[in-house]
C-alpha cells in the first residue's frame, strides 16, 4: 500500500507496477492526520474523498506545463507567466481533447481523472428528474449502496455547452457537487442538487466582453469523475 503524501498532482504511473495493491492520497496529514490514515487503511472509516486535479503519466503532456518557468522581463526585475493555454488547464484540456480529437489516446496520458476516488463499497446512482424554474436547475438523484459496508459517495455534475465557434468552451465543466450521507449496505437515498443557469455561461472576451449563455442544448451529466459518465439529461435554452 502506497501513501501519497503530497499537496500537488504527481506522476503516478508507477502505481500500476506489480506488487502495489492499493494507494491512498493523504495530502499533508500534519501532527494528527496519521490517526485518520490508520483508520482508513484498517477499515474503521470508509474513504470518500476525490482528487482535485487530473493526474497524468507525464506532466509535460499538459499545455500549462510549457507556459510556466523562470521568465523574466528584460527591463524589469520581475517574473511573468504566459497563459497561452487559455481555459484548457487541468481536466478541461484532457477531457476536451478526448472529446474532439479522434487520434488522442486519453488512457495513455491520464492515470487518474479529476474527481476520481475509490471506496470500500460500490454505489449505483441515476438521475430521477430534472427541471428548470426561475433560472435554477434542480436535479433529483437516487443513490443505492450496492456493496457490503457503509460508505459515502460524491455526486458530481458537469455540463457540456453548445459550441458555435463564437466563444471558446470546454466540453466538460464541473457545475455542482454534493457528498451523500453515510449510506448503509442495500439502502437507497435521494438527493436534490441545485445550480443556477447562469453558472453555465461562458466568457466572451472577443465581442461582448462578458459572460454569455448561448442558446442551444446543454448536456448535464452525472459522473463518477470528470471522465466517467454515469447518467445524463438535457436542457434546451
C-alpha atoms as a PDB file:
ATOM      1  CA  UNK A   1       0.000   0.000   0.000  1.00  0.00           C
ATOM      2  CA  UNK A   2       1.444   3.348  -1.098  1.00  0.00           C
ATOM      3  CA  UNK A   3       0.663   6.569   0.770  1.00  0.00           C
ATOM      4  CA  UNK A   4       0.833   9.671  -1.425  1.00  0.00           C
ATOM      5  CA  UNK A   5       1.939  12.489   0.878  1.00  0.00           C
ATOM      6  CA  UNK A   6       1.795  15.464  -1.478  1.00  0.00           C
ATOM      7  CA  UNK A   7      -0.317  18.573  -1.956  1.00  0.00           C
ATOM      8  CA  UNK A   8       0.390  18.579  -5.694  1.00  0.00           C
ATOM      9  CA  UNK A   9      -0.529  16.345  -8.611  1.00  0.00           C
ATOM     10  CA  UNK A  10       2.221  13.790  -9.234  1.00  0.00           C
ATOM     11  CA  UNK A  11       3.129  11.329 -11.966  1.00  0.00           C
ATOM     12  CA  UNK A  12       1.616   8.156 -10.501  1.00  0.00           C
ATOM     13  CA  UNK A  13       2.008   5.675 -13.320  1.00  0.00           C
ATOM     14  CA  UNK A  14       4.273   3.596 -11.079  1.00  0.00           C
ATOM     15  CA  UNK A  15       1.215   2.607  -9.018  1.00  0.00           C
ATOM     16  CA  UNK A  16       0.414   0.150 -11.810  1.00  0.00           C
ATOM     17  CA  UNK A  17       3.611  -1.787 -11.094  1.00  0.00           C
ATOM     18  CA  UNK A  18       3.425  -5.356  -9.797  1.00  0.00           C
ATOM     19  CA  UNK A  19       3.486  -5.557  -6.019  1.00  0.00           C
ATOM     20  CA  UNK A  20       1.429  -2.419  -5.418  1.00  0.00           C
ATOM     21  CA  UNK A  21      -2.065  -3.355  -4.281  1.00  0.00           C
ATOM     22  CA  UNK A  22      -3.529  -0.008  -3.235  1.00  0.00           C
ATOM     23  CA  UNK A  23      -2.794   3.693  -2.816  1.00  0.00           C
ATOM     24  CA  UNK A  24      -4.167   6.374  -0.528  1.00  0.00           C
ATOM     25  CA  UNK A  25      -3.714  10.092  -1.151  1.00  0.00           C
ATOM     26  CA  UNK A  26      -3.287  11.800   2.235  1.00  0.00           C
ATOM     27  CA  UNK A  27      -2.092  15.304   1.320  1.00  0.00           C
ATOM     28  CA  UNK A  28      -0.265  16.874   4.264  1.00  0.00           C
ATOM     29  CA  UNK A  29      -1.542  14.996   7.344  1.00  0.00           C
ATOM     30  CA  UNK A  30       0.097  17.258   9.921  1.00  0.00           C
ATOM     31  CA  UNK A  31       0.546  16.199  13.540  1.00  0.00           C
ATOM     32  CA  UNK A  32      -2.672  14.200  13.984  1.00  0.00           C
ATOM     33  CA  UNK A  33      -3.748  13.343  10.440  1.00  0.00           C
ATOM     34  CA  UNK A  34      -1.983   9.974  10.521  1.00  0.00           C
ATOM     35  CA  UNK A  35      -4.571   8.811  13.048  1.00  0.00           C
ATOM     36  CA  UNK A  36      -7.195   9.161  10.313  1.00  0.00           C
ATOM     37  CA  UNK A  37      -4.895   7.431   7.820  1.00  0.00           C
ATOM     38  CA  UNK A  38      -4.694   4.410  10.114  1.00  0.00           C
ATOM     39  CA  UNK A  39      -8.468   4.332  10.446  1.00  0.00           C
ATOM     40  CA  UNK A  40      -8.908   4.495   6.669  1.00  0.00           C
ATOM     41  CA  UNK A  41      -6.368   1.738   5.992  1.00  0.00           C
ATOM     42  CA  UNK A  42      -7.844  -0.565   8.634  1.00  0.00           C
ATOM     43  CA  UNK A  43     -11.436  -0.004   7.541  1.00  0.00           C
ATOM     44  CA  UNK A  44     -12.618   1.793  10.673  1.00  0.00           C
ATOM     45  CA  UNK A  45     -13.715   4.574   8.321  1.00  0.00           C
ATOM     46  CA  UNK A  46     -14.531   4.326   4.618  1.00  0.00           C
ATOM     47  CA  UNK A  47     -12.638   6.856   2.419  1.00  0.00           C
ATOM     48  CA  UNK A  48     -14.844   9.067   0.251  1.00  0.00           C
ATOM     49  CA  UNK A  49     -12.561  11.875  -0.903  1.00  0.00           C
ATOM     50  CA  UNK A  50     -11.982  12.840  -4.545  1.00  0.00           C
ATOM     51  CA  UNK A  51      -8.973  14.183  -6.430  1.00  0.00           C
ATOM     52  CA  UNK A  52      -8.973  17.904  -7.182  1.00  0.00           C
ATOM     53  CA  UNK A  53      -6.725  17.631 -10.226  1.00  0.00           C
ATOM     54  CA  UNK A  54      -6.014  15.344 -13.174  1.00  0.00           C
ATOM     55  CA  UNK A  55      -3.028  13.066 -12.564  1.00  0.00           C
ATOM     56  CA  UNK A  56      -1.135  12.421 -15.802  1.00  0.00           C
ATOM     57  CA  UNK A  57       1.540   9.854 -16.581  1.00  0.00           C
ATOM     58  CA  UNK A  58       3.704  12.737 -17.820  1.00  0.00           C
ATOM     59  CA  UNK A  59       3.013  16.248 -16.525  1.00  0.00           C
ATOM     60  CA  UNK A  60       4.566  17.742 -19.648  1.00  0.00           C
ATOM     61  CA  UNK A  61       1.526  16.469 -21.595  1.00  0.00           C
ATOM     62  CA  UNK A  62      -0.380  19.484 -20.236  1.00  0.00           C
ATOM     63  CA  UNK A  63      -0.117  22.751 -22.232  1.00  0.00           C
ATOM     64  CA  UNK A  64       0.175  24.664 -18.946  1.00  0.00           C
ATOM     65  CA  UNK A  65       3.465  22.886 -18.224  1.00  0.00           C
ATOM     66  CA  UNK A  66       5.149  24.614 -21.164  1.00  0.00           C
ATOM     67  CA  UNK A  67       3.887  28.069 -20.204  1.00  0.00           C
ATOM     68  CA  UNK A  68       5.377  28.044 -16.703  1.00  0.00           C
ATOM     69  CA  UNK A  69       9.001  28.702 -15.859  1.00  0.00           C
ATOM     70  CA  UNK A  70      11.556  31.308 -14.857  1.00  0.00           C
ATOM     71  CA  UNK A  71      10.606  34.029 -17.337  1.00  0.00           C
ATOM     72  CA  UNK A  72      11.960  37.492 -16.527  1.00  0.00           C
ATOM     73  CA  UNK A  73      11.220  40.858 -18.138  1.00  0.00           C
ATOM     74  CA  UNK A  74      14.245  42.243 -19.985  1.00  0.00           C
ATOM     75  CA  UNK A  75      13.788  45.726 -18.481  1.00  0.00           C
ATOM     76  CA  UNK A  76      12.408  44.849 -15.043  1.00  0.00           C
ATOM     77  CA  UNK A  77      13.433  42.547 -12.206  1.00  0.00           C
ATOM     78  CA  UNK A  78      10.111  40.752 -12.239  1.00  0.00           C
ATOM     79  CA  UNK A  79       8.931  37.374 -13.461  1.00  0.00           C
ATOM     80  CA  UNK A  80       5.900  36.570 -15.554  1.00  0.00           C
ATOM     81  CA  UNK A  81       3.833  33.580 -16.667  1.00  0.00           C
ATOM     82  CA  UNK A  82       2.229  33.355 -20.089  1.00  0.00           C
ATOM     83  CA  UNK A  83      -1.307  31.990 -20.018  1.00  0.00           C
ATOM     84  CA  UNK A  84      -1.253  30.806 -23.624  1.00  0.00           C
ATOM     85  CA  UNK A  85      -3.373  27.725 -22.892  1.00  0.00           C
ATOM     86  CA  UNK A  86      -6.458  29.855 -22.121  1.00  0.00           C
ATOM     87  CA  UNK A  87      -9.210  27.814 -20.440  1.00  0.00           C
ATOM     88  CA  UNK A  88      -7.585  24.489 -21.281  1.00  0.00           C
ATOM     89  CA  UNK A  89      -5.987  23.835 -17.905  1.00  0.00           C
ATOM     90  CA  UNK A  90      -6.241  20.574 -15.961  1.00  0.00           C
ATOM     91  CA  UNK A  91      -9.229  18.372 -16.703  1.00  0.00           C
ATOM     92  CA  UNK A  92     -10.702  20.863 -19.179  1.00  0.00           C
ATOM     93  CA  UNK A  93      -7.756  20.275 -21.503  1.00  0.00           C
ATOM     94  CA  UNK A  94      -7.630  16.484 -21.203  1.00  0.00           C
ATOM     95  CA  UNK A  95     -11.389  15.954 -21.460  1.00  0.00           C
ATOM     96  CA  UNK A  96     -11.929  18.446 -24.300  1.00  0.00           C
ATOM     97  CA  UNK A  97      -9.127  16.940 -26.342  1.00  0.00           C
ATOM     98  CA  UNK A  98     -10.534  13.460 -25.735  1.00  0.00           C
ATOM     99  CA  UNK A  99     -13.966  14.589 -26.948  1.00  0.00           C
ATOM    100  CA  UNK A 100     -12.765  16.472 -30.040  1.00  0.00           C
ATOM    101  CA  UNK A 101      -9.591  14.727 -31.247  1.00  0.00           C
ATOM    102  CA  UNK A 102     -10.229  11.190 -32.614  1.00  0.00           C
ATOM    103  CA  UNK A 103      -6.499  10.445 -32.679  1.00  0.00           C
ATOM    104  CA  UNK A 104      -5.979  11.302 -28.999  1.00  0.00           C
ATOM    105  CA  UNK A 105      -5.183   8.387 -26.656  1.00  0.00           C
ATOM    106  CA  UNK A 106      -6.667   9.563 -23.350  1.00  0.00           C
ATOM    107  CA  UNK A 107      -5.862   6.371 -21.442  1.00  0.00           C
ATOM    108  CA  UNK A 108      -2.205   6.633 -22.404  1.00  0.00           C
ATOM    109  CA  UNK A 109      -1.907  10.090 -20.836  1.00  0.00           C
ATOM    110  CA  UNK A 110      -4.248  10.157 -17.825  1.00  0.00           C
ATOM    111  CA  UNK A 111      -3.674   7.947 -14.779  1.00  0.00           C
ATOM    112  CA  UNK A 112      -6.496   9.353 -12.611  1.00  0.00           C
ATOM    113  CA  UNK A 113      -9.087  11.907 -13.783  1.00  0.00           C
ATOM    114  CA  UNK A 114     -10.168  14.952 -11.814  1.00  0.00           C
ATOM    115  CA  UNK A 115     -12.808  13.873  -9.280  1.00  0.00           C
ATOM    116  CA  UNK A 116     -11.537  10.283  -9.036  1.00  0.00           C
ATOM    117  CA  UNK A 117     -11.906   8.407  -5.773  1.00  0.00           C
ATOM    118  CA  UNK A 118     -12.444   4.848  -4.560  1.00  0.00           C
ATOM    119  CA  UNK A 119     -14.373   3.316  -1.673  1.00  0.00           C
ATOM    120  CA  UNK A 120     -14.615   0.014   0.177  1.00  0.00           C
ATOM    121  CA  UNK A 121     -18.145  -0.266  -1.208  1.00  0.00           C
ATOM    122  CA  UNK A 122     -19.900   0.397  -4.519  1.00  0.00           C
ATOM    123  CA  UNK A 123     -22.801   2.639  -5.493  1.00  0.00           C
ATOM    124  CA  UNK A 124     -25.480   2.709  -8.140  1.00  0.00           C
ATOM    125  CA  UNK A 125     -26.777   6.188  -8.934  1.00  0.00           C
ATOM    126  CA  UNK A 126     -29.029   7.740 -11.530  1.00  0.00           C
ATOM    127  CA  UNK A 127     -30.840  10.950 -12.409  1.00  0.00           C
ATOM    128  CA  UNK A 128     -34.512  10.641 -11.464  1.00  0.00           C
ATOM    129  CA  UNK A 129     -35.733  14.045 -12.648  1.00  0.00           C
ATOM    130  CA  UNK A 130     -34.508  17.478 -13.676  1.00  0.00           C
ATOM    131  CA  UNK A 131     -36.389  20.753 -14.015  1.00  0.00           C
ATOM    132  CA  UNK A 132     -35.649  24.438 -14.543  1.00  0.00           C
ATOM    133  CA  UNK A 133     -37.569  27.152 -12.715  1.00  0.00           C
ATOM    134  CA  UNK A 134     -36.764  30.837 -12.137  1.00  0.00           C
ATOM    135  CA  UNK A 135     -33.268  30.399 -13.533  1.00  0.00           C
ATOM    136  CA  UNK A 136     -32.418  27.494 -11.204  1.00  0.00           C
ATOM    137  CA  UNK A 137     -31.741  23.915 -12.315  1.00  0.00           C
ATOM    138  CA  UNK A 138     -32.802  21.225  -9.838  1.00  0.00           C
ATOM    139  CA  UNK A 139     -31.626  17.653 -10.326  1.00  0.00           C
ATOM    140  CA  UNK A 140     -33.078  14.766  -8.339  1.00  0.00           C
ATOM    141  CA  UNK A 141     -30.733  11.795  -7.862  1.00  0.00           C
ATOM    142  CA  UNK A 142     -31.160   8.285  -6.475  1.00  0.00           C
ATOM    143  CA  UNK A 143     -28.150   6.613  -4.818  1.00  0.00           C
ATOM    144  CA  UNK A 144     -28.017   2.961  -3.696  1.00  0.00           C
ATOM    145  CA  UNK A 145     -25.185   1.326  -1.771  1.00  0.00           C
ATOM    146  CA  UNK A 146     -24.666  -1.939  -3.665  1.00  0.00           C
ATOM    147  CA  UNK A 147     -21.719  -3.149  -1.589  1.00  0.00           C
ATOM    148  CA  UNK A 148     -21.180  -4.801   1.781  1.00  0.00           C
ATOM    149  CA  UNK A 149     -20.142  -1.900   4.030  1.00  0.00           C
ATOM    150  CA  UNK A 150     -21.477   1.567   4.790  1.00  0.00           C
ATOM    151  CA  UNK A 151     -19.965   4.479   2.871  1.00  0.00           C
ATOM    152  CA  UNK A 152     -20.390   7.901   1.333  1.00  0.00           C
ATOM    153  CA  UNK A 153     -20.394   8.803  -2.338  1.00  0.00           C
ATOM    154  CA  UNK A 154     -19.863  12.086  -4.180  1.00  0.00           C
ATOM    155  CA  UNK A 155     -22.389  13.321  -6.745  1.00  0.00           C
ATOM    156  CA  UNK A 156     -20.514  15.237  -9.453  1.00  0.00           C
ATOM    157  CA  UNK A 157     -22.438  17.174 -12.097  1.00  0.00           C
ATOM    158  CA  UNK A 158     -20.846  18.514 -15.269  1.00  0.00           C
ATOM    159  CA  UNK A 159     -22.243  20.342 -18.281  1.00  0.00           C
ATOM    160  CA  UNK A 160     -21.329  20.332 -21.947  1.00  0.00           C
ATOM    161  CA  UNK A 161     -22.489  23.599 -23.571  1.00  0.00           C
ATOM    162  CA  UNK A 162     -23.440  24.087 -27.229  1.00  0.00           C
ATOM    163  CA  UNK A 163     -20.414  25.039 -29.314  1.00  0.00           C
ATOM    164  CA  UNK A 164     -20.957  27.520 -32.153  1.00  0.00           C
ATOM    165  CA  UNK A 165     -17.348  28.617 -32.533  1.00  0.00           C
ATOM    166  CA  UNK A 166     -18.120  32.139 -31.352  1.00  0.00           C
ATOM    167  CA  UNK A 167     -16.951  31.507 -27.776  1.00  0.00           C
ATOM    168  CA  UNK A 168     -14.194  29.120 -26.699  1.00  0.00           C
ATOM    169  CA  UNK A 169     -15.587  26.392 -24.419  1.00  0.00           C
ATOM    170  CA  UNK A 170     -14.539  23.204 -22.714  1.00  0.00           C
ATOM    171  CA  UNK A 171     -16.682  20.128 -23.375  1.00  0.00           C
ATOM    172  CA  UNK A 172     -16.624  19.154 -19.677  1.00  0.00           C
ATOM    173  CA  UNK A 173     -17.296  21.692 -16.907  1.00  0.00           C
ATOM    174  CA  UNK A 174     -17.945  20.945 -13.240  1.00  0.00           C
ATOM    175  CA  UNK A 175     -21.101  22.824 -12.205  1.00  0.00           C
ATOM    176  CA  UNK A 176     -22.177  21.241  -8.883  1.00  0.00           C
ATOM    177  CA  UNK A 177     -21.217  18.518  -6.434  1.00  0.00           C
ATOM    178  CA  UNK A 178     -22.532  17.049  -3.205  1.00  0.00           C
ATOM    179  CA  UNK A 179     -21.372  14.374  -0.781  1.00  0.00           C
ATOM    180  CA  UNK A 180     -24.004  11.913   0.359  1.00  0.00           C
ATOM    181  CA  UNK A 181     -24.799  10.870   3.889  1.00  0.00           C
ATOM    182  CA  UNK A 182     -23.342   7.628   5.220  1.00  0.00           C
ATOM    183  CA  UNK A 183     -25.400   5.031   3.344  1.00  0.00           C
ATOM    184  CA  UNK A 184     -25.792   1.537   4.764  1.00  0.00           C
ATOM    185  CA  UNK A 185     -25.398  -1.552   2.525  1.00  0.00           C
ATOM    186  CA  UNK A 186     -28.505  -2.077   0.393  1.00  0.00           C
ATOM    187  CA  UNK A 187     -30.013   1.266   1.389  1.00  0.00           C
ATOM    188  CA  UNK A 188     -31.227   3.872  -1.114  1.00  0.00           C
ATOM    189  CA  UNK A 189     -31.297   7.628  -0.609  1.00  0.00           C
ATOM    190  CA  UNK A 190     -32.496  10.561  -2.723  1.00  0.00           C
ATOM    191  CA  UNK A 191     -30.812  13.939  -3.102  1.00  0.00           C
ATOM    192  CA  UNK A 192     -31.601  17.260  -4.770  1.00  0.00           C
ATOM    193  CA  UNK A 193     -28.793  19.320  -6.262  1.00  0.00           C
ATOM    194  CA  UNK A 194     -29.332  22.872  -7.476  1.00  0.00           C
ATOM    195  CA  UNK A 195     -27.305  25.256  -9.609  1.00  0.00           C
ATOM    196  CA  UNK A 196     -28.086  28.465 -11.483  1.00  0.00           C
ATOM    197  CA  UNK A 197     -28.494  28.564 -15.253  1.00  0.00           C
ATOM    198  CA  UNK A 198     -26.042  31.444 -15.347  1.00  0.00           C
ATOM    199  CA  UNK A 199     -23.385  29.121 -13.887  1.00  0.00           C
ATOM    200  CA  UNK A 200     -23.207  27.580 -17.371  1.00  0.00           C
ATOM    201  CA  UNK A 201     -22.420  30.875 -19.089  1.00  0.00           C
ATOM    202  CA  UNK A 202     -19.103  31.204 -20.955  1.00  0.00           C
ATOM    203  CA  UNK A 203     -16.880  34.271 -21.034  1.00  0.00           C
ATOM    204  CA  UNK A 204     -16.725  36.038 -24.400  1.00  0.00           C
ATOM    205  CA  UNK A 205     -13.501  38.059 -24.417  1.00  0.00           C
ATOM    206  CA  UNK A 206     -13.700  38.886 -28.121  1.00  0.00           C
ATOM    207  CA  UNK A 207     -17.085  40.581 -28.680  1.00  0.00           C
ATOM    208  CA  UNK A 208     -19.281  41.012 -25.619  1.00  0.00           C
ATOM    209  CA  UNK A 209     -16.503  41.243 -23.011  1.00  0.00           C
ATOM    210  CA  UNK A 210     -18.821  39.459 -20.585  1.00  0.00           C
ATOM    211  CA  UNK A 211     -20.332  36.081 -19.718  1.00  0.00           C
ATOM    212  CA  UNK A 212     -22.832  34.836 -22.287  1.00  0.00           C
ATOM    213  CA  UNK A 213     -25.335  31.979 -22.004  1.00  0.00           C
ATOM    214  CA  UNK A 214     -25.674  30.943 -25.635  1.00  0.00           C
ATOM    215  CA  UNK A 215     -28.886  29.339 -26.871  1.00  0.00           C
ATOM    216  CA  UNK A 216     -28.876  25.620 -27.574  1.00  0.00           C
ATOM    217  CA  UNK A 217     -28.712  22.209 -25.903  1.00  0.00           C
ATOM    218  CA  UNK A 218     -26.772  21.819 -22.657  1.00  0.00           C
ATOM    219  CA  UNK A 219     -25.932  18.239 -21.703  1.00  0.00           C
ATOM    220  CA  UNK A 220     -26.000  17.726 -17.927  1.00  0.00           C
ATOM    221  CA  UNK A 221     -24.132  14.618 -16.817  1.00  0.00           C
ATOM    222  CA  UNK A 222     -23.792  12.810 -13.509  1.00  0.00           C
ATOM    223  CA  UNK A 223     -20.284  11.355 -13.367  1.00  0.00           C
ATOM    224  CA  UNK A 224     -18.004   9.320 -11.124  1.00  0.00           C
ATOM    225  CA  UNK A 225     -15.210  11.687 -12.165  1.00  0.00           C
ATOM    226  CA  UNK A 226     -14.577  14.197 -14.943  1.00  0.00           C
ATOM    227  CA  UNK A 227     -14.279  11.338 -17.458  1.00  0.00           C
ATOM    228  CA  UNK A 228     -16.699   8.610 -16.391  1.00  0.00           C
ATOM    229  CA  UNK A 229     -20.341   9.309 -17.277  1.00  0.00           C
ATOM    230  CA  UNK A 230     -22.991   7.600 -15.119  1.00  0.00           C
ATOM    231  CA  UNK A 231     -26.168   9.258 -16.396  1.00  0.00           C
ATOM    232  CA  UNK A 232     -27.160  12.361 -18.349  1.00  0.00           C
ATOM    233  CA  UNK A 233     -30.016  14.654 -19.227  1.00  0.00           C
ATOM    234  CA  UNK A 234     -30.599  17.645 -21.482  1.00  0.00           C
ATOM    235  CA  UNK A 235     -31.558  21.295 -21.032  1.00  0.00           C
ATOM    236  CA  UNK A 236     -32.573  23.430 -24.026  1.00  0.00           C
ATOM    237  CA  UNK A 237     -32.043  27.170 -23.673  1.00  0.00           C
END
